[in-house]
Structure formats: structure tokens, C-alpha cells
Amino acid sequence: MKSLLLNMGLLILRIGFSIGLITHGYGKFLRVLDQNFKFRDPIGIGDAPSLILASFGEFIAPIFIIIGWKTRFFTIFPALTMLIAFAVVHDGDPFSKKEKSLMYLITFIVIYFMGPGKYSIDKQ
């Protein structure tokens, strides 16, 4: 019973937070497809690379996290994206503005350490 609840909890965590992040990344992903690369450059690598990496971390990687394929690897991308959002993009903002990125960061770190669980392609 405990194993079932743990695995269901991991599944719900993976799917719920990944869907939430996909909604933030969808617009960025469409901008990449349209080659509209005007974007904030928070770490000094240029607008286009920043947008591509953000859309990968917020749209592409969560798709793989949902299905549970290479979950630990793919959680690195949204975690790094949210770390940059929290520590750089929203650096001077009040905590209420940073809170969402911190929650996503913590969640994807937890998924990294816990793994995808039984209900995934990885089946750990």
C-alpha cells in the first residue's frame, strides 16, 4: 500500500507540475518556431539562446517528465530554468513574485532525487 501511494504521488507530482510549466513554456516555444527571438537575456548568452533554453526547460523537457522517460536527466532543465528565473530574472522582485519559480525549482529537484516512480517509462 505504501509503495502504491508513493508511486501515485510521484506520478501526480510529475504530471501536475509539468503541465503547469508547459503552460508557461508554450508561448516561448511558439516564438522559437516563429523565429521571434526577442527575449530577455538574463545570463548573457544572447536573446535567441536564452529563449531556446527557456522553451526547452519549460515546454520540451516537461513532456518527457510527464511520460517518465529519462526523468532525472530532463528534470535538470526546468530546475535550472527556474533557478535562473528565481535568482536572476526576479532578483529584485518581492518574494510573492518569485514564489512560483521557487516552487517549480523545489519540485523538480524533488523529482530528480525521488525518480519517476513505477508509473513511468523508466519504471524505477
N, C-alpha and C. Protein backbone atom coordinates (compact mmCIF):
# COMPACT_ATOMS: atom_id res chain seq x y z
N MET A 1 0.83 -1.21 0.00
CA MET A 1 0.00 0.00 0.00
C MET A 1 0.86 1.25 0.00
N LYS A 2 1.92 1.26 0.85
CA LYS A 2 2.79 2.43 0.92
C LYS A 2 3.47 2.68 -0.42
N SER A 3 3.91 1.61 -1.07
CA SER A 3 4.57 1.72 -2.37
C SER A 3 3.60 2.27 -3.43
N LEU A 4 2.36 1.80 -3.40
CA LEU A 4 1.34 2.28 -4.33
C LEU A 4 1.12 3.78 -4.15
N LEU A 5 0.97 4.21 -2.91
CA LEU A 5 0.73 5.63 -2.64
C LEU A 5 1.93 6.49 -3.04
N LEU A 6 3.13 6.00 -2.77
CA LEU A 6 4.34 6.73 -3.15
C LEU A 6 4.42 6.88 -4.67
N ASN A 7 4.18 5.80 -5.39
CA ASN A 7 4.26 5.85 -6.85
C ASN A 7 3.15 6.70 -7.46
N MET A 8 1.96 6.65 -6.88
CA MET A 8 0.87 7.52 -7.35
C MET A 8 1.20 8.98 -7.06
N GLY A 9 1.78 9.24 -5.89
CA GLY A 9 2.19 10.60 -5.55
C GLY A 9 3.23 11.15 -6.52
N LEU A 10 4.21 10.33 -6.87
CA LEU A 10 5.24 10.76 -7.83
C LEU A 10 4.63 11.02 -9.21
N LEU A 11 3.70 10.16 -9.61
CA LEU A 11 3.02 10.35 -10.90
C LEU A 11 2.25 11.67 -10.92
N ILE A 12 1.49 11.92 -9.88
CA ILE A 12 0.71 13.16 -9.79
C ILE A 12 1.63 14.38 -9.76
N LEU A 13 2.71 14.28 -9.00
CA LEU A 13 3.68 15.38 -8.92
C LEU A 13 4.30 15.66 -10.30
N ARG A 14 4.74 14.60 -10.97
CA ARG A 14 5.35 14.75 -12.30
C ARG A 14 4.38 15.38 -13.29
N ILE A 15 3.18 14.83 -13.36
CA ILE A 15 2.20 15.30 -14.34
C ILE A 15 1.71 16.70 -13.99
N GLY A 16 1.32 16.91 -12.76
CA GLY A 16 0.75 18.20 -12.37
C GLY A 16 1.69 19.37 -12.57
N PHE A 17 2.91 19.25 -12.06
CA PHE A 17 3.85 20.37 -12.18
C PHE A 17 4.37 20.52 -13.60
N SER A 18 4.49 19.42 -14.34
CA SER A 18 4.95 19.52 -15.72
C SER A 18 3.90 20.20 -16.59
N ILE A 19 2.63 19.86 -16.39
CA ILE A 19 1.57 20.53 -17.15
C ILE A 19 1.56 22.02 -16.82
N GLY A 20 1.70 22.34 -15.55
CA GLY A 20 1.75 23.75 -15.16
C GLY A 20 2.88 24.49 -15.84
N LEU A 21 4.04 23.87 -15.91
CA LEU A 21 5.19 24.52 -16.54
C LEU A 21 5.03 24.61 -18.05
N ILE A 22 4.42 23.60 -18.66
CA ILE A 22 4.18 23.62 -20.10
C ILE A 22 3.34 24.83 -20.49
N THR A 23 2.37 25.19 -19.66
CA THR A 23 1.54 26.35 -19.98
C THR A 23 2.36 27.63 -20.01
N HIS A 24 3.44 27.69 -19.23
CA HIS A 24 4.32 28.85 -19.25
C HIS A 24 5.28 28.80 -20.44
N GLY A 25 5.65 27.62 -20.86
CA GLY A 25 6.62 27.48 -21.93
C GLY A 25 6.04 27.45 -23.33
N TYR A 26 4.73 27.23 -23.44
CA TYR A 26 4.11 27.10 -24.76
C TYR A 26 4.31 28.35 -25.62
N GLY A 27 4.07 29.51 -25.06
CA GLY A 27 4.26 30.76 -25.81
C GLY A 27 5.70 30.95 -26.24
N LYS A 28 6.63 30.60 -25.37
CA LYS A 28 8.06 30.70 -25.71
C LYS A 28 8.40 29.74 -26.84
N PHE A 29 7.85 28.52 -26.77
CA PHE A 29 8.09 27.53 -27.81
C PHE A 29 7.57 28.02 -29.16
N LEU A 30 6.38 28.62 -29.17
CA LEU A 30 5.82 29.16 -30.42
C LEU A 30 6.70 30.28 -30.97
N ARG A 31 7.26 31.09 -30.10
CA ARG A 31 8.16 32.16 -30.55
C ARG A 31 9.42 31.59 -31.18
N VAL A 32 9.92 30.48 -30.64
CA VAL A 32 11.08 29.83 -31.26
C VAL A 32 10.71 29.34 -32.65
N LEU A 33 9.55 28.70 -32.79
CA LEU A 33 9.11 28.20 -34.09
C LEU A 33 8.92 29.34 -35.09
N ASP A 34 8.44 30.48 -34.62
CA ASP A 34 8.25 31.66 -35.47
C ASP A 34 9.54 32.45 -35.69
N GLN A 35 10.61 32.01 -35.06
CA GLN A 35 11.91 32.68 -35.10
C GLN A 35 11.82 34.13 -34.61
N ASN A 36 10.97 34.35 -33.63
CA ASN A 36 10.84 35.64 -32.97
C ASN A 36 11.67 35.56 -31.69
N PHE A 37 12.96 35.86 -31.81
CA PHE A 37 13.90 35.61 -30.72
C PHE A 37 14.09 36.79 -29.77
N LYS A 38 13.25 37.81 -29.86
CA LYS A 38 13.37 38.91 -28.90
C LYS A 38 12.95 38.37 -27.54
N PHE A 39 13.92 38.38 -26.63
CA PHE A 39 13.70 37.76 -25.32
C PHE A 39 14.70 38.33 -24.35
N ARG A 40 14.36 38.29 -23.11
CA ARG A 40 15.27 38.73 -22.05
C ARG A 40 16.51 37.82 -22.02
N ASP A 41 17.67 38.41 -21.79
CA ASP A 41 18.93 37.65 -21.76
C ASP A 41 19.51 37.70 -20.35
N PRO A 42 18.99 36.88 -19.43
CA PRO A 42 19.38 37.02 -18.02
C PRO A 42 20.79 36.57 -17.67
N ILE A 43 21.39 35.71 -18.49
CA ILE A 43 22.72 35.20 -18.14
C ILE A 43 23.79 35.54 -19.17
N GLY A 44 23.47 36.46 -20.09
CA GLY A 44 24.47 36.97 -21.02
C GLY A 44 24.87 36.05 -22.15
N ILE A 45 23.96 35.18 -22.60
CA ILE A 45 24.30 34.30 -23.72
C ILE A 45 23.60 34.71 -25.02
N GLY A 46 22.82 35.77 -24.97
CA GLY A 46 22.10 36.25 -26.14
C GLY A 46 20.61 35.94 -26.05
N ASP A 47 19.83 36.72 -26.80
CA ASP A 47 18.37 36.56 -26.78
C ASP A 47 17.93 35.19 -27.29
N ALA A 48 18.43 34.79 -28.47
CA ALA A 48 17.99 33.53 -29.08
C ALA A 48 18.35 32.32 -28.22
N PRO A 49 19.61 32.17 -27.78
CA PRO A 49 19.91 31.01 -26.93
C PRO A 49 19.10 31.02 -25.62
N SER A 50 18.88 32.20 -25.05
CA SER A 50 18.10 32.29 -23.81
C SER A 50 16.67 31.80 -24.04
N LEU A 51 16.06 32.24 -25.14
CA LEU A 51 14.69 31.82 -25.45
C LEU A 51 14.63 30.33 -25.75
N ILE A 52 15.57 29.83 -26.52
CA ILE A 52 15.58 28.40 -26.86
C ILE A 52 15.74 27.55 -25.60
N LEU A 53 16.67 27.92 -24.74
CA LEU A 53 16.87 27.15 -23.50
C LEU A 53 15.66 27.24 -22.57
N ALA A 54 15.07 28.43 -22.47
CA ALA A 54 13.88 28.58 -21.62
C ALA A 54 12.72 27.77 -22.16
N SER A 55 12.51 27.78 -23.48
CA SER A 55 11.41 27.00 -24.05
C SER A 55 11.68 25.50 -23.92
N PHE A 56 12.94 25.09 -24.01
CA PHE A 56 13.27 23.68 -23.80
C PHE A 56 12.98 23.28 -22.35
N GLY A 57 13.40 24.13 -21.42
CA GLY A 57 13.21 23.83 -20.00
C GLY A 57 11.76 23.89 -19.54
N GLU A 58 10.96 24.73 -20.20
CA GLU A 58 9.58 24.92 -19.78
C GLU A 58 8.56 24.19 -20.65
N PHE A 59 8.96 23.73 -21.83
CA PHE A 59 7.98 23.08 -22.71
C PHE A 59 8.40 21.67 -23.13
N ILE A 60 9.60 21.51 -23.65
CA ILE A 60 10.04 20.20 -24.16
C ILE A 60 10.34 19.22 -23.02
N ALA A 61 11.21 19.62 -22.10
CA ALA A 61 11.61 18.71 -21.01
C ALA A 61 10.42 18.22 -20.19
N PRO A 62 9.44 19.09 -19.85
CA PRO A 62 8.30 18.59 -19.08
C PRO A 62 7.48 17.51 -19.79
N ILE A 63 7.49 17.51 -21.11
CA ILE A 63 6.79 16.44 -21.84
C ILE A 63 7.43 15.09 -21.52
N PHE A 64 8.76 15.06 -21.52
CA PHE A 64 9.46 13.81 -21.20
C PHE A 64 9.30 13.44 -19.72
N ILE A 65 9.19 14.44 -18.87
CA ILE A 65 8.98 14.18 -17.44
C ILE A 65 7.59 13.58 -17.22
N ILE A 66 6.60 14.06 -17.95
CA ILE A 66 5.24 13.52 -17.84
C ILE A 66 5.22 12.03 -18.17
N ILE A 67 5.86 11.65 -19.27
CA ILE A 67 5.83 10.24 -19.65
C ILE A 67 6.84 9.42 -18.87
N GLY A 68 7.74 10.08 -18.17
CA GLY A 68 8.69 9.38 -17.32
C GLY A 68 9.84 8.76 -18.08
N TRP A 69 10.30 9.42 -19.13
CA TRP A 69 11.44 8.91 -19.90
C TRP A 69 12.66 9.77 -19.61
N LYS A 70 13.73 9.14 -19.15
CA LYS A 70 14.96 9.86 -18.78
C LYS A 70 14.63 10.99 -17.81
N THR A 71 13.77 10.71 -16.86
CA THR A 71 13.20 11.72 -15.97
C THR A 71 14.26 12.51 -15.23
N ARG A 72 15.20 11.83 -14.62
CA ARG A 72 16.21 12.56 -13.85
C ARG A 72 17.00 13.51 -14.74
N PHE A 73 17.36 13.07 -15.92
CA PHE A 73 18.08 13.93 -16.86
C PHE A 73 17.24 15.15 -17.23
N PHE A 74 15.99 14.92 -17.60
CA PHE A 74 15.16 16.03 -18.08
C PHE A 74 14.72 16.99 -16.97
N THR A 75 14.74 16.56 -15.71
CA THR A 75 14.39 17.49 -14.63
C THR A 75 15.46 18.55 -14.42
N ILE A 76 16.67 18.29 -14.89
CA ILE A 76 17.74 19.28 -14.76
C ILE A 76 17.38 20.58 -15.48
N PHE A 77 16.75 20.48 -16.65
CA PHE A 77 16.46 21.66 -17.46
C PHE A 77 15.42 22.59 -16.85
N PRO A 78 14.26 22.09 -16.42
CA PRO A 78 13.34 23.02 -15.75
C PRO A 78 13.89 23.53 -14.42
N ALA A 79 14.65 22.70 -13.72
CA ALA A 79 15.23 23.16 -12.45
C ALA A 79 16.19 24.32 -12.68
N LEU A 80 17.06 24.20 -13.67
CA LEU A 80 17.99 25.30 -13.98
C LEU A 80 17.25 26.53 -14.48
N THR A 81 16.24 26.32 -15.31
CA THR A 81 15.44 27.45 -15.81
C THR A 81 14.78 28.19 -14.66
N MET A 82 14.22 27.45 -13.71
CA MET A 82 13.56 28.08 -12.57
C MET A 82 14.56 28.70 -11.60
N LEU A 83 15.75 28.13 -11.50
CA LEU A 83 16.80 28.74 -10.68
C LEU A 83 17.18 30.11 -11.25
N ILE A 84 17.32 30.18 -12.56
CA ILE A 84 17.65 31.46 -13.22
C ILE A 84 16.49 32.44 -13.06
N ALA A 85 15.26 31.95 -13.22
CA ALA A 85 14.09 32.82 -13.04
C ALA A 85 14.05 33.38 -11.62
N PHE A 86 14.28 32.51 -10.64
CA PHE A 86 14.22 32.92 -9.24
C PHE A 86 15.37 33.86 -8.86
N ALA A 87 16.59 33.47 -9.20
CA ALA A 87 17.77 34.18 -8.70
C ALA A 87 18.23 35.34 -9.57
N VAL A 88 17.90 35.32 -10.86
CA VAL A 88 18.40 36.36 -11.76
C VAL A 88 17.26 37.23 -12.29
N VAL A 89 16.29 36.60 -12.95
CA VAL A 89 15.21 37.37 -13.59
C VAL A 89 14.39 38.14 -12.56
N HIS A 90 14.04 37.49 -11.46
CA HIS A 90 13.21 38.12 -10.42
C HIS A 90 14.03 38.55 -9.21
N ASP A 91 15.31 38.79 -9.41
CA ASP A 91 16.22 39.10 -8.31
C ASP A 91 15.73 40.24 -7.42
N GLY A 92 15.32 41.34 -8.01
CA GLY A 92 14.91 42.50 -7.22
C GLY A 92 13.44 42.53 -6.88
N ASP A 93 12.70 41.50 -7.31
CA ASP A 93 11.26 41.47 -7.09
C ASP A 93 10.92 41.00 -5.67
N PRO A 94 9.73 41.35 -5.20
CA PRO A 94 9.31 40.84 -3.89
C PRO A 94 9.12 39.32 -3.96
N PHE A 95 9.17 38.67 -2.81
CA PHE A 95 9.09 37.21 -2.77
C PHE A 95 7.82 36.68 -3.44
N SER A 96 6.72 37.41 -3.31
CA SER A 96 5.46 36.96 -3.91
C SER A 96 5.57 36.81 -5.43
N LYS A 97 6.45 37.57 -6.05
CA LYS A 97 6.67 37.48 -7.50
C LYS A 97 7.61 36.31 -7.84
N LYS A 98 8.52 35.97 -6.93
CA LYS A 98 9.50 34.90 -7.14
C LYS A 98 8.99 33.54 -6.73
N GLU A 99 7.94 33.53 -5.93
CA GLU A 99 7.49 32.31 -5.27
C GLU A 99 7.21 31.16 -6.24
N LYS A 100 6.55 31.45 -7.35
CA LYS A 100 6.19 30.40 -8.30
C LYS A 100 7.42 29.71 -8.86
N SER A 101 8.43 30.49 -9.23
CA SER A 101 9.64 29.87 -9.77
C SER A 101 10.35 29.03 -8.70
N LEU A 102 10.31 29.47 -7.45
CA LEU A 102 10.91 28.69 -6.37
C LEU A 102 10.16 27.37 -6.15
N MET A 103 8.84 27.41 -6.23
CA MET A 103 8.07 26.17 -6.06
C MET A 103 8.37 25.17 -7.17
N TYR A 104 8.45 25.66 -8.42
CA TYR A 104 8.81 24.77 -9.52
C TYR A 104 10.23 24.23 -9.33
N LEU A 105 11.16 25.08 -8.93
CA LEU A 105 12.54 24.66 -8.70
C LEU A 105 12.60 23.53 -7.67
N ILE A 106 11.97 23.73 -6.53
CA ILE A 106 11.98 22.72 -5.47
C ILE A 106 11.33 21.43 -5.95
N THR A 107 10.21 21.54 -6.65
CA THR A 107 9.50 20.35 -7.13
C THR A 107 10.36 19.53 -8.08
N PHE A 108 11.01 20.19 -9.03
CA PHE A 108 11.82 19.43 -9.98
C PHE A 108 13.09 18.87 -9.35
N ILE A 109 13.59 19.52 -8.31
CA ILE A 109 14.71 18.94 -7.55
C ILE A 109 14.24 17.68 -6.82
N VAL A 110 13.05 17.73 -6.23
CA VAL A 110 12.49 16.55 -5.55
C VAL A 110 12.30 15.40 -6.54
N ILE A 111 11.74 15.70 -7.71
CA ILE A 111 11.55 14.65 -8.73
C ILE A 111 12.90 14.07 -9.14
N TYR A 112 13.92 14.92 -9.26
CA TYR A 112 15.26 14.44 -9.60
C TYR A 112 15.73 13.41 -8.56
N PHE A 113 15.62 13.74 -7.29
CA PHE A 113 16.10 12.84 -6.24
C PHE A 113 15.22 11.61 -6.05
N MET A 114 13.91 11.76 -6.18
CA MET A 114 12.99 10.63 -5.97
C MET A 114 12.90 9.71 -7.18
N GLY A 115 13.15 10.26 -8.37
CA GLY A 115 12.98 9.48 -9.58
C GLY A 115 11.53 9.51 -10.03
N PRO A 116 11.23 8.89 -11.16
CA PRO A 116 9.89 8.97 -11.73
C PRO A 116 8.86 8.06 -11.07
N GLY A 117 9.32 7.05 -10.35
CA GLY A 117 8.39 6.09 -9.76
C GLY A 117 8.05 4.98 -10.73
N LYS A 118 7.17 4.11 -10.29
CA LYS A 118 6.81 2.90 -11.03
C LYS A 118 6.01 3.20 -12.29
N TYR A 119 5.19 4.25 -12.26
CA TYR A 119 4.31 4.56 -13.38
C TYR A 119 5.00 5.51 -14.35
N SER A 120 6.00 4.98 -15.03
CA SER A 120 6.79 5.77 -15.98
C SER A 120 7.46 4.82 -16.95
N ILE A 121 7.98 5.36 -18.02
CA ILE A 121 8.75 4.53 -18.95
C ILE A 121 10.02 4.03 -18.26
N ASP A 122 10.61 4.86 -17.41
CA ASP A 122 11.83 4.48 -16.68
C ASP A 122 11.57 3.38 -15.64
N LYS A 123 10.38 3.33 -15.07
CA LYS A 123 9.96 2.34 -14.06
C LYS A 123 10.98 2.09 -12.97
N GLN A 124 11.23 3.09 -12.14
CA GLN A 124 12.20 2.91 -11.06
C GLN A 124 11.51 2.62 -9.76
